[in-house]
Amino acid sequence: FITGFFMGSIFPGSIGWGTVEFPSLSVLVSGFLMAANQTGTGIITNTLGHFLNQTALILQFLTGCMILIFILLMILRKNSKIEEAF
């Protein structure tokens, strides 16, 4: 639940924020973010499939990673050109 909350709260806004901050590279930025999301989804799906006995530990690790990413994006948001980035 916590991982989904933090991922859901930053993903749509991060694409919009990236394209506003880097307008000349908007296609590259949004494409890179979508590719990163798909790659991460594929990697974690395979990881969870191979280590079924350690699902709780993996999900705790993912939750910690998402909290760190959320904090980093909130720090980057301070100097953003748009108010409603996230």
C-alpha atoms as a PDB file:
ATOM      1  CA  PHE A   1       0.000   0.000   0.000  1.00  0.00           C
ATOM      2  CA  ILE A   2       2.754   2.469   0.975  1.00  0.00           C
ATOM      3  CA  THR A   3       4.795   1.730  -2.145  1.00  0.00           C
ATOM      4  CA  GLY A   4       1.741   2.255  -4.352  1.00  0.00           C
ATOM      5  CA  PHE A   5       0.873   5.493  -2.581  1.00  0.00           C
ATOM      6  CA  PHE A   6       4.290   7.054  -3.093  1.00  0.00           C
ATOM      7  CA  MET A   7       4.618   5.766  -6.673  1.00  0.00           C
ATOM      8  CA  GLY A   8       1.136   6.948  -7.595  1.00  0.00           C
ATOM      9  CA  SER A   9       1.696  10.363  -6.090  1.00  0.00           C
ATOM     10  CA  ILE A  10       4.869  11.127  -8.031  1.00  0.00           C
ATOM     11  CA  PHE A  11       4.608   9.369 -11.379  1.00  0.00           C
ATOM     12  CA  PRO A  12       2.075  11.439 -13.350  1.00  0.00           C
ATOM     13  CA  GLY A  13       3.409  14.704 -11.935  1.00  0.00           C
ATOM     14  CA  SER A  14       7.019  13.794 -12.623  1.00  0.00           C
ATOM     15  CA  ILE A  15       6.357  13.501 -16.365  1.00  0.00           C
ATOM     16  CA  GLY A  16       4.569  16.870 -16.467  1.00  0.00           C
ATOM     17  CA  TRP A  17       7.257  18.461 -14.310  1.00  0.00           C
ATOM     18  CA  GLY A  18      10.054  17.069 -16.471  1.00  0.00           C
ATOM     19  CA  THR A  19       8.535  18.376 -19.665  1.00  0.00           C
ATOM     20  CA  VAL A  20       8.000  21.874 -18.203  1.00  0.00           C
ATOM     21  CA  GLU A  21      11.509  22.060 -16.741  1.00  0.00           C
ATOM     22  CA  PHE A  22      13.115  20.850 -19.973  1.00  0.00           C
ATOM     23  CA  PRO A  23      10.761  21.957 -22.785  1.00  0.00           C
ATOM     24  CA  SER A  24      13.281  21.419 -25.576  1.00  0.00           C
ATOM     25  CA  LEU A  25      13.747  17.812 -24.434  1.00  0.00           C
ATOM     26  CA  SER A  26      10.119  17.080 -23.510  1.00  0.00           C
ATOM     27  CA  VAL A  27       9.799  13.970 -25.678  1.00  0.00           C
ATOM     28  CA  LEU A  28      13.099  12.589 -24.425  1.00  0.00           C
ATOM     29  CA  VAL A  29      12.258  13.305 -20.774  1.00  0.00           C
ATOM     30  CA  SER A  30       8.786  11.754 -20.873  1.00  0.00           C
ATOM     31  CA  GLY A  31      10.041   8.786 -22.890  1.00  0.00           C
ATOM     32  CA  PHE A  32      12.902   8.197 -20.483  1.00  0.00           C
ATOM     33  CA  LEU A  33      10.572   8.334 -17.474  1.00  0.00           C
ATOM     34  CA  MET A  34       8.122   5.905 -19.098  1.00  0.00           C
ATOM     35  CA  ALA A  35      10.959   3.549 -20.037  1.00  0.00           C
ATOM     36  CA  ALA A  36      12.334   3.705 -16.495  1.00  0.00           C
ATOM     37  CA  ASN A  37       8.892   2.859 -15.114  1.00  0.00           C
ATOM     38  CA  GLN A  38       8.438  -0.102 -17.461  1.00  0.00           C
ATOM     39  CA  THR A  39      11.959  -1.398 -16.839  1.00  0.00           C
ATOM     40  CA  GLY A  40      11.497  -1.147 -13.083  1.00  0.00           C
ATOM     41  CA  THR A  41       8.166  -2.955 -13.287  1.00  0.00           C
ATOM     42  CA  GLY A  42       9.704  -5.779 -15.301  1.00  0.00           C
ATOM     43  CA  ILE A  43      12.693  -6.151 -12.998  1.00  0.00           C
ATOM     44  CA  ILE A  44      10.658  -6.215  -9.808  1.00  0.00           C
ATOM     45  CA  THR A  45       8.106  -8.641 -11.274  1.00  0.00           C
ATOM     46  CA  ASN A  46      10.888 -11.078 -12.135  1.00  0.00           C
ATOM     47  CA  THR A  47      12.558 -10.544  -8.754  1.00  0.00           C
ATOM     48  CA  LEU A  48       9.335 -11.256  -6.871  1.00  0.00           C
ATOM     49  CA  GLY A  49       8.769 -14.338  -9.015  1.00  0.00           C
ATOM     50  CA  HIS A  50      12.192 -15.800  -8.259  1.00  0.00           C
ATOM     51  CA  PHE A  51      12.207 -15.022  -4.531  1.00  0.00           C
ATOM     52  CA  LEU A  52       8.682 -15.925  -3.436  1.00  0.00           C
ATOM     53  CA  ASN A  53       9.795 -16.673   0.144  1.00  0.00           C
ATOM     54  CA  GLN A  54      11.205 -13.162   0.639  1.00  0.00           C
ATOM     55  CA  THR A  55       8.309 -11.082  -0.687  1.00  0.00           C
ATOM     56  CA  ALA A  56       7.871  -9.087   2.545  1.00  0.00           C
ATOM     57  CA  LEU A  57      11.553  -8.099   2.618  1.00  0.00           C
ATOM     58  CA  ILE A  58      11.503  -7.071  -1.046  1.00  0.00           C
ATOM     59  CA  LEU A  59       8.364  -4.965  -0.548  1.00  0.00           C
ATOM     60  CA  GLN A  60       9.923  -3.261   2.496  1.00  0.00           C
ATOM     61  CA  PHE A  61      12.986  -2.427   0.413  1.00  0.00           C
ATOM     62  CA  LEU A  62      10.806  -1.045  -2.395  1.00  0.00           C
ATOM     63  CA  THR A  63       8.848   1.061   0.065  1.00  0.00           C
ATOM     64  CA  GLY A  64      12.096   2.541   1.394  1.00  0.00           C
ATOM     65  CA  CYS A  65      13.279   3.288  -2.148  1.00  0.00           C
ATOM     66  CA  MET A  66      10.017   4.996  -3.058  1.00  0.00           C
ATOM     67  CA  ILE A  67      10.099   7.131   0.096  1.00  0.00           C
ATOM     68  CA  LEU A  68      13.642   8.256  -0.789  1.00  0.00           C
ATOM     69  CA  ILE A  69      12.621   9.065  -4.377  1.00  0.00           C
ATOM     70  CA  PHE A  70       9.571  10.936  -3.091  1.00  0.00           C
ATOM     71  CA  ILE A  71      11.748  13.020  -0.746  1.00  0.00           C
ATOM     72  CA  LEU A  72      14.267  13.774  -3.524  1.00  0.00           C
ATOM     73  CA  LEU A  73      11.519  14.896  -5.892  1.00  0.00           C
ATOM     74  CA  MET A  74      10.005  17.117  -3.206  1.00  0.00           C
ATOM     75  CA  ILE A  75      13.417  18.756  -2.736  1.00  0.00           C
ATOM     76  CA  LEU A  76      13.719  19.281  -6.504  1.00  0.00           C
ATOM     77  CA  ARG A  77      10.192  20.701  -6.562  1.00  0.00           C
ATOM     78  CA  LYS A  78      11.207  23.689  -4.421  1.00  0.00           C
ATOM     79  CA  ASN A  79      12.738  25.534  -7.386  1.00  0.00           C
ATOM     80  CA  SER A  80      10.275  24.268  -9.984  1.00  0.00           C
ATOM     81  CA  LYS A  81       8.817  26.521 -12.661  1.00  0.00           C
ATOM     82  CA  ILE A  82       5.320  25.168 -12.052  1.00  0.00           C
ATOM     83  CA  GLU A  83       3.408  25.107  -8.761  1.00  0.00           C
ATOM     84  CA  GLU A  84       1.386  21.944  -9.332  1.00  0.00           C
ATOM     85  CA  ALA A  85       4.282  19.691 -10.355  1.00  0.00           C
ATOM     86  CA  PHE A  86       3.370  16.948  -7.902  1.00  0.00           C
END
